[in-house]
PDB file of N, CA and C in Angstrom:
ATOM      1  N   MET A   1      25.491   8.455 -26.927  1.00  0.00           N
ATOM      2  CA  MET A   1      25.305   9.775 -26.351  1.00  0.00           C
ATOM      3  C   MET A   1      23.813  10.032 -26.088  1.00  0.00           C
ATOM      4  N   LEU A   2      23.554  10.624 -24.899  1.00  0.00           N
ATOM      5  CA  LEU A   2      22.254  10.811 -24.481  1.00  0.00           C
ATOM      6  C   LEU A   2      21.856  12.319 -24.694  1.00  0.00           C
ATOM      7  N   ASP A   3      20.517  12.563 -25.189  1.00  0.00           N
ATOM      8  CA  ASP A   3      20.134  13.809 -25.413  1.00  0.00           C
ATOM      9  C   ASP A   3      19.200  14.200 -24.306  1.00  0.00           C
ATOM     10  N   SER A   4      18.538  15.417 -24.367  1.00  0.00           N
ATOM     11  CA  SER A   4      17.704  15.915 -23.234  1.00  0.00           C
ATOM     12  C   SER A   4      16.433  15.208 -23.117  1.00  0.00           C
ATOM     13  N   THR A   5      16.062  14.264 -24.100  1.00  0.00           N
ATOM     14  CA  THR A   5      14.871  13.647 -24.169  1.00  0.00           C
ATOM     15  C   THR A   5      14.940  12.088 -23.608  1.00  0.00           C
ATOM     16  N   ALA A   6      16.243  11.773 -23.261  1.00  0.00           N
ATOM     17  CA  ALA A   6      16.396  10.500 -22.712  1.00  0.00           C
ATOM     18  C   ALA A   6      15.774  10.324 -21.293  1.00  0.00           C
ATOM     19  N   TYR A   7      15.250   9.101 -21.074  1.00  0.00           N
ATOM     20  CA  TYR A   7      14.716   8.795 -19.734  1.00  0.00           C
ATOM     21  C   TYR A   7      15.612   8.613 -18.608  1.00  0.00           C
ATOM     22  N   ASP A   8      15.229   9.105 -17.517  1.00  0.00           N
ATOM     23  CA  ASP A   8      16.070   8.847 -16.273  1.00  0.00           C
ATOM     24  C   ASP A   8      15.440   7.640 -15.678  1.00  0.00           C
ATOM     25  N   LEU A   9      16.031   6.364 -15.908  1.00  0.00           N
ATOM     26  CA  LEU A   9      15.320   5.129 -15.336  1.00  0.00           C
ATOM     27  C   LEU A   9      15.074   5.167 -13.910  1.00  0.00           C
ATOM     28  N   ALA A  10      15.993   5.874 -13.156  1.00  0.00           N
ATOM     29  CA  ALA A  10      15.738   5.678 -11.713  1.00  0.00           C
ATOM     30  C   ALA A  10      14.430   6.499 -11.389  1.00  0.00           C
ATOM     31  N   LYS A  11      14.287   7.554 -12.192  1.00  0.00           N
ATOM     32  CA  LYS A  11      12.914   8.382 -11.910  1.00  0.00           C
ATOM     33  C   LYS A  11      11.800   7.700 -12.272  1.00  0.00           C
ATOM     34  N   VAL A  12      11.875   7.006 -13.522  1.00  0.00           N
ATOM     35  CA  VAL A  12      10.770   6.295 -14.025  1.00  0.00           C
ATOM     36  C   VAL A  12      10.520   5.178 -13.093  1.00  0.00           C
ATOM     37  N   ASP A  13      11.459   4.604 -12.488  1.00  0.00           N
ATOM     38  CA  ASP A  13      11.165   3.401 -11.559  1.00  0.00           C
ATOM     39  C   ASP A  13      10.430   3.984 -10.294  1.00  0.00           C
ATOM     40  N   GLU A  14      11.027   5.056  -9.856  1.00  0.00           N
ATOM     41  CA  GLU A  14      10.337   5.753  -8.715  1.00  0.00           C
ATOM     42  C   GLU A  14       8.981   5.985  -8.996  1.00  0.00           C
ATOM     43  N   GLN A  15       8.651   6.678 -10.081  1.00  0.00           N
ATOM     44  CA  GLN A  15       7.322   6.995 -10.414  1.00  0.00           C
ATOM     45  C   GLN A  15       6.388   5.803 -10.654  1.00  0.00           C
ATOM     46  N   ALA A  16       6.907   4.724 -11.242  1.00  0.00           N
ATOM     47  CA  ALA A  16       6.188   3.462 -11.225  1.00  0.00           C
ATOM     48  C   ALA A  16       5.865   2.958  -9.820  1.00  0.00           C
ATOM     49  N   PHE A  17       6.762   3.027  -9.006  1.00  0.00           N
ATOM     50  CA  PHE A  17       6.528   2.512  -7.623  1.00  0.00           C
ATOM     51  C   PHE A  17       5.456   3.274  -6.946  1.00  0.00           C
ATOM     52  N   TYR A  18       5.512   4.599  -6.892  1.00  0.00           N
ATOM     53  CA  TYR A  18       4.482   5.416  -6.363  1.00  0.00           C
ATOM     54  C   TYR A  18       3.165   5.235  -6.997  1.00  0.00           C
ATOM     55  N   ALA A  19       3.134   5.077  -8.502  1.00  0.00           N
ATOM     56  CA  ALA A  19       1.776   4.798  -8.946  1.00  0.00           C
ATOM     57  C   ALA A  19       1.211   3.441  -8.471  1.00  0.00           C
ATOM     58  N   TYR A  20       2.029   2.351  -8.412  1.00  0.00           N
ATOM     59  CA  TYR A  20       1.623   1.177  -7.824  1.00  0.00           C
ATOM     60  C   TYR A  20       1.178   1.251  -6.511  1.00  0.00           C
ATOM     61  N   ALA A  21       1.895   1.859  -5.669  1.00  0.00           N
ATOM     62  CA  ALA A  21       1.558   2.053  -4.147  1.00  0.00           C
ATOM     63  C   ALA A  21       0.203   2.829  -4.076  1.00  0.00           C
ATOM     64  N   ALA A  22       0.028   3.763  -4.972  1.00  0.00           N
ATOM     65  CA  ALA A  22      -1.318   4.588  -4.893  1.00  0.00           C
ATOM     66  C   ALA A  22      -2.462   3.771  -5.370  1.00  0.00           C
ATOM     67  N   GLU A  23      -2.264   2.893  -6.379  1.00  0.00           N
ATOM     68  CA  GLU A  23      -3.157   2.068  -6.746  1.00  0.00           C
ATOM     69  C   GLU A  23      -3.704   1.017  -5.672  1.00  0.00           C
ATOM     70  N   ARG A  24      -2.667   0.538  -5.075  1.00  0.00           N
ATOM     71  CA  ARG A  24      -3.011  -0.376  -3.844  1.00  0.00           C
ATOM     72  C   ARG A  24      -3.791   0.171  -2.777  1.00  0.00           C
ATOM     73  N   LEU A  25      -3.414   1.588  -2.542  1.00  0.00           N
ATOM     74  CA  LEU A  25      -4.049   2.330  -1.510  1.00  0.00           C
ATOM     75  C   LEU A  25      -5.512   2.590  -1.857  1.00  0.00           C
ATOM     76  N   ARG A  26      -5.725   2.993  -3.056  1.00  0.00           N
ATOM     77  CA  ARG A  26      -7.132   3.066  -3.709  1.00  0.00           C
ATOM     78  C   ARG A  26      -7.860   1.953  -3.602  1.00  0.00           C
ATOM     79  N   LEU A  27      -7.283   0.809  -3.936  1.00  0.00           N
ATOM     80  CA  LEU A  27      -8.078  -0.497  -3.747  1.00  0.00           C
ATOM     81  C   LEU A  27      -8.331  -0.858  -2.293  1.00  0.00           C
ATOM     82  N   LEU A  28      -7.506  -0.541  -1.490  1.00  0.00           N
ATOM     83  CA  LEU A  28      -7.825  -0.717  -0.102  1.00  0.00           C
ATOM     84  C   LEU A  28      -8.833   0.271   0.398  1.00  0.00           C
ATOM     85  N   TYR A  29      -8.929   1.502   0.028  1.00  0.00           N
ATOM     86  CA  TYR A  29      -9.926   2.434   0.317  1.00  0.00           C
ATOM     87  C   TYR A  29     -11.326   1.962  -0.292  1.00  0.00           C
ATOM     88  N   VAL A  30     -11.299   1.421  -1.417  1.00  0.00           N
ATOM     89  CA  VAL A  30     -12.606   0.915  -1.890  1.00  0.00           C
ATOM     90  C   VAL A  30     -13.110  -0.233  -1.246  1.00  0.00           C
ATOM     91  N   GLY A  31     -12.241  -1.077  -0.808  1.00  0.00           N
ATOM     92  CA  GLY A  31     -12.622  -2.359  -0.072  1.00  0.00           C
ATOM     93  C   GLY A  31     -13.191  -1.776   1.329  1.00  0.00           C
ATOM     94  N   ILE A  32     -12.542  -0.969   1.974  1.00  0.00           N
ATOM     95  CA  ILE A  32     -13.057  -0.503   3.375  1.00  0.00           C
ATOM     96  C   ILE A  32     -14.513   0.260   3.168  1.00  0.00           C
ATOM     97  N   THR A  33     -14.540   1.162   2.186  1.00  0.00           N
ATOM     98  CA  THR A  33     -15.710   2.018   2.227  1.00  0.00           C
ATOM     99  C   THR A  33     -16.922   1.203   1.603  1.00  0.00           C
ATOM    100  N   ARG A  34     -16.677  -0.056   0.983  1.00  0.00           N
ATOM    101  CA  ARG A  34     -17.755  -0.785   0.427  1.00  0.00           C
ATOM    102  C   ARG A  34     -18.119  -2.047   1.323  1.00  0.00           C
ATOM    103  N   ALA A  35     -17.402  -2.203   2.286  1.00  0.00           N
ATOM    104  CA  ALA A  35     -17.713  -3.267   3.215  1.00  0.00           C
ATOM    105  C   ALA A  35     -19.151  -3.064   3.906  1.00  0.00           C
ATOM    106  N   ARG A  36     -19.879  -3.919   3.920  1.00  0.00           N
ATOM    107  CA  ARG A  36     -21.348  -3.726   4.408  1.00  0.00           C
ATOM    108  C   ARG A  36     -21.355  -4.149   5.949  1.00  0.00           C
ATOM    109  N   SER A  37     -20.776  -5.224   6.257  1.00  0.00           N
ATOM    110  CA  SER A  37     -20.915  -5.590   7.678  1.00  0.00           C
ATOM    111  C   SER A  37     -19.716  -5.915   8.312  1.00  0.00           C
ATOM    112  N   ASP A  38     -18.764  -6.678   7.715  1.00  0.00           N
ATOM    113  CA  ASP A  38     -17.438  -7.167   8.314  1.00  0.00           C
ATOM    114  C   ASP A  38     -16.434  -6.700   7.327  1.00  0.00           C
ATOM    115  N   LEU A  39     -15.222  -6.583   7.858  1.00  0.00           N
ATOM    116  CA  LEU A  39     -14.032  -6.250   6.971  1.00  0.00           C
ATOM    117  C   LEU A  39     -12.880  -7.218   7.473  1.00  0.00           C
ATOM    118  N   TRP A  40     -12.404  -8.059   6.611  1.00  0.00           N
ATOM    119  CA  TRP A  40     -11.182  -8.730   7.035  1.00  0.00           C
ATOM    120  C   TRP A  40     -10.118  -8.387   6.169  1.00  0.00           C
ATOM    121  N   ILE A  41      -8.860  -8.034   6.832  1.00  0.00           N
ATOM    122  CA  ILE A  41      -7.711  -7.794   6.157  1.00  0.00           C
ATOM    123  C   ILE A  41      -6.620  -8.695   6.530  1.00  0.00           C
ATOM    124  N   SER A  42      -5.953  -9.145   5.400  1.00  0.00           N
ATOM    125  CA  SER A  42      -4.717 -10.141   5.670  1.00  0.00           C
ATOM    126  C   SER A  42      -3.619  -9.738   5.048  1.00  0.00           C
ATOM    127  N   TRP A  43      -2.516 -10.248   5.246  1.00  0.00           N
ATOM    128  CA  TRP A  43      -1.264  -9.767   4.538  1.00  0.00           C
ATOM    129  C   TRP A  43      -0.371 -10.969   4.580  1.00  0.00           C
ATOM    130  N   ASN A  44       0.614 -10.902   3.668  1.00  0.00           N
ATOM    131  CA  ASN A  44       1.559 -12.025   3.403  1.00  0.00           C
ATOM    132  C   ASN A  44       2.703 -11.782   4.453  1.00  0.00           C
ATOM    133  N   THR A  45       3.018 -12.808   5.256  1.00  0.00           N
ATOM    134  CA  THR A  45       4.168 -12.721   6.279  1.00  0.00           C
ATOM    135  C   THR A  45       5.529 -12.710   5.516  1.00  0.00           C
ATOM    136  N   GLY A  46       5.589 -13.100   4.259  1.00  0.00           N
ATOM    137  CA  GLY A  46       6.928 -13.221   3.592  1.00  0.00           C
ATOM    138  C   GLY A  46       7.564 -14.579   3.913  1.00  0.00           C
ATOM    139  N   LYS A  47       8.767 -14.691   3.517  1.00  0.00           N
ATOM    140  CA  LYS A  47       9.405 -15.866   3.575  1.00  0.00           C
ATOM    141  C   LYS A  47      10.265 -16.047   4.910  1.00  0.00           C
ATOM    142  N   GLY A  48      10.498 -15.056   5.496  1.00  0.00           N
ATOM    143  CA  GLY A  48      11.324 -15.026   6.765  1.00  0.00           C
ATOM    144  C   GLY A  48      10.583 -15.723   7.878  1.00  0.00           C
ATOM    145  N   LYS A  49      11.366 -15.969   8.995  1.00  0.00           N
ATOM    146  CA  LYS A  49      10.679 -16.585  10.107  1.00  0.00           C
ATOM    147  C   LYS A  49       9.840 -15.650  10.906  1.00  0.00           C
ATOM    148  N   GLU A  50      10.250 -14.339  10.870  1.00  0.00           N
ATOM    149  CA  GLU A  50       9.499 -13.250  11.657  1.00  0.00           C
ATOM    150  C   GLU A  50       8.384 -12.772  10.742  1.00  0.00           C
ATOM    151  N   PRO A  51       7.096 -12.375  11.305  1.00  0.00           N
ATOM    152  CA  PRO A  51       6.124 -11.944  10.417  1.00  0.00           C
ATOM    153  C   PRO A  51       6.588 -10.380   9.927  1.00  0.00           C
ATOM    154  N   SER A  52       6.130 -10.146   8.678  1.00  0.00           N
ATOM    155  CA  SER A  52       6.277  -8.928   8.190  1.00  0.00           C
ATOM    156  C   SER A  52       5.592  -7.778   9.100  1.00  0.00           C
ATOM    157  N   ARG A  53       5.974  -6.571   8.991  1.00  0.00           N
ATOM    158  CA  ARG A  53       5.222  -5.635   9.662  1.00  0.00           C
ATOM    159  C   ARG A  53       4.034  -5.133   8.757  1.00  0.00           C
ATOM    160  N   LEU A  54       2.934  -4.641   9.503  1.00  0.00           N
ATOM    161  CA  LEU A  54       1.774  -4.231   8.682  1.00  0.00           C
ATOM    162  C   LEU A  54       2.141  -3.085   8.084  1.00  0.00           C
ATOM    163  N   ALA A  55       1.405  -2.865   6.869  1.00  0.00           N
ATOM    164  CA  ALA A  55       1.546  -1.649   6.075  1.00  0.00           C
ATOM    165  C   ALA A  55       0.992  -0.441   6.916  1.00  0.00           C
ATOM    166  N   LEU A  56       1.756   0.754   6.713  1.00  0.00           N
ATOM    167  CA  LEU A  56       1.382   1.925   7.542  1.00  0.00           C
ATOM    168  C   LEU A  56      -0.029   2.191   7.443  1.00  0.00           C
ATOM    169  N   PRO A  57      -0.733   2.187   6.334  1.00  0.00           N
ATOM    170  CA  PRO A  57      -2.164   2.450   6.267  1.00  0.00           C
ATOM    171  C   PRO A  57      -2.960   1.612   7.191  1.00  0.00           C
ATOM    172  N   ILE A  58      -2.583   0.237   7.323  1.00  0.00           N
ATOM    173  CA  ILE A  58      -3.298  -0.605   8.145  1.00  0.00           C
ATOM    174  C   ILE A  58      -3.119  -0.392   9.592  1.00  0.00           C
ATOM    175  N   VAL A  59      -1.748   0.099   9.912  1.00  0.00           N
ATOM    176  CA  VAL A  59      -1.562   0.533  11.321  1.00  0.00           C
ATOM    177  C   VAL A  59      -2.456   1.713  11.836  1.00  0.00           C
ATOM    178  N   HIS A  60      -2.518   2.675  10.960  1.00  0.00           N
ATOM    179  CA  HIS A  60      -3.465   3.725  11.223  1.00  0.00           C
ATOM    180  C   HIS A  60      -4.992   3.356  11.385  1.00  0.00           C
ATOM    181  N   LEU A  61      -5.272   2.489  10.424  1.00  0.00           N
ATOM    182  CA  LEU A  61      -6.709   1.918  10.513  1.00  0.00           C
ATOM    183  C   LEU A  61      -6.975   1.179  11.682  1.00  0.00           C
ATOM    184  N   GLN A  62      -6.085   0.390  12.034  1.00  0.00           N
ATOM    185  CA  GLN A  62      -6.246  -0.288  13.478  1.00  0.00           C
ATOM    186  C   GLN A  62      -6.297   0.688  14.580  1.00  0.00           C
ATOM    187  N   GLY A  63      -5.357   1.629  14.659  1.00  0.00           N
ATOM    188  CA  GLY A  63      -5.495   2.662  15.659  1.00  0.00           C
ATOM    189  C   GLY A  63      -6.869   3.516  15.700  1.00  0.00           C
ATOM    190  N   TRP A  64      -7.400   3.764  14.599  1.00  0.00           N
ATOM    191  CA  TRP A  64      -8.750   4.469  14.421  1.00  0.00           C
ATOM    192  C   TRP A  64      -9.782   3.597  14.935  1.00  0.00           C
ATOM    193  N   LEU A  65      -9.688   2.282  14.519  1.00  0.00           N
ATOM    194  CA  LEU A  65     -10.732   1.371  15.025  1.00  0.00           C
ATOM    195  C   LEU A  65     -10.749   1.098  16.537  1.00  0.00           C
ATOM    196  N   ASP A  66      -9.503   1.157  17.088  1.00  0.00           N
ATOM    197  CA  ASP A  66      -9.342   0.933  18.492  1.00  0.00           C
ATOM    198  C   ASP A  66     -10.025   2.195  19.271  1.00  0.00           C
ATOM    199  N   GLN A  67      -9.789   3.318  18.731  1.00  0.00           N
ATOM    200  CA  GLN A  67     -10.285   4.453  19.398  1.00  0.00           C
ATOM    201  C   GLN A  67     -11.909   4.358  19.200  1.00  0.00           C
ATOM    202  N   GLN A  68     -12.524   3.786  18.317  1.00  0.00           N
ATOM    203  CA  GLN A  68     -14.038   3.765  18.036  1.00  0.00           C
ATOM    204  C   GLN A  68     -14.652   2.813  19.039  1.00  0.00           C
ATOM    205  N   ALA A  69     -13.944   1.948  19.628  1.00  0.00           N
ATOM    206  CA  ALA A  69     -14.407   0.870  20.420  1.00  0.00           C
ATOM    207  C   ALA A  69     -14.546   1.381  21.883  1.00  0.00           C
TER     208      ALA A  69
END
């Protein structure tokens, strides 16, 4: 029997996912803002034959950089 203090595992997993994503974005921000001259960003293409899509923050960064040129 579950009481009102029982964890909702789906909610915990979702919170962990967002915490992980937030930390990855924070590290990306730190890397971008601390780059002194050049910034290289790479990503894993995955196991499939087709390259994986860029993460949305990288897509927006690329668009911003294109506007600056």
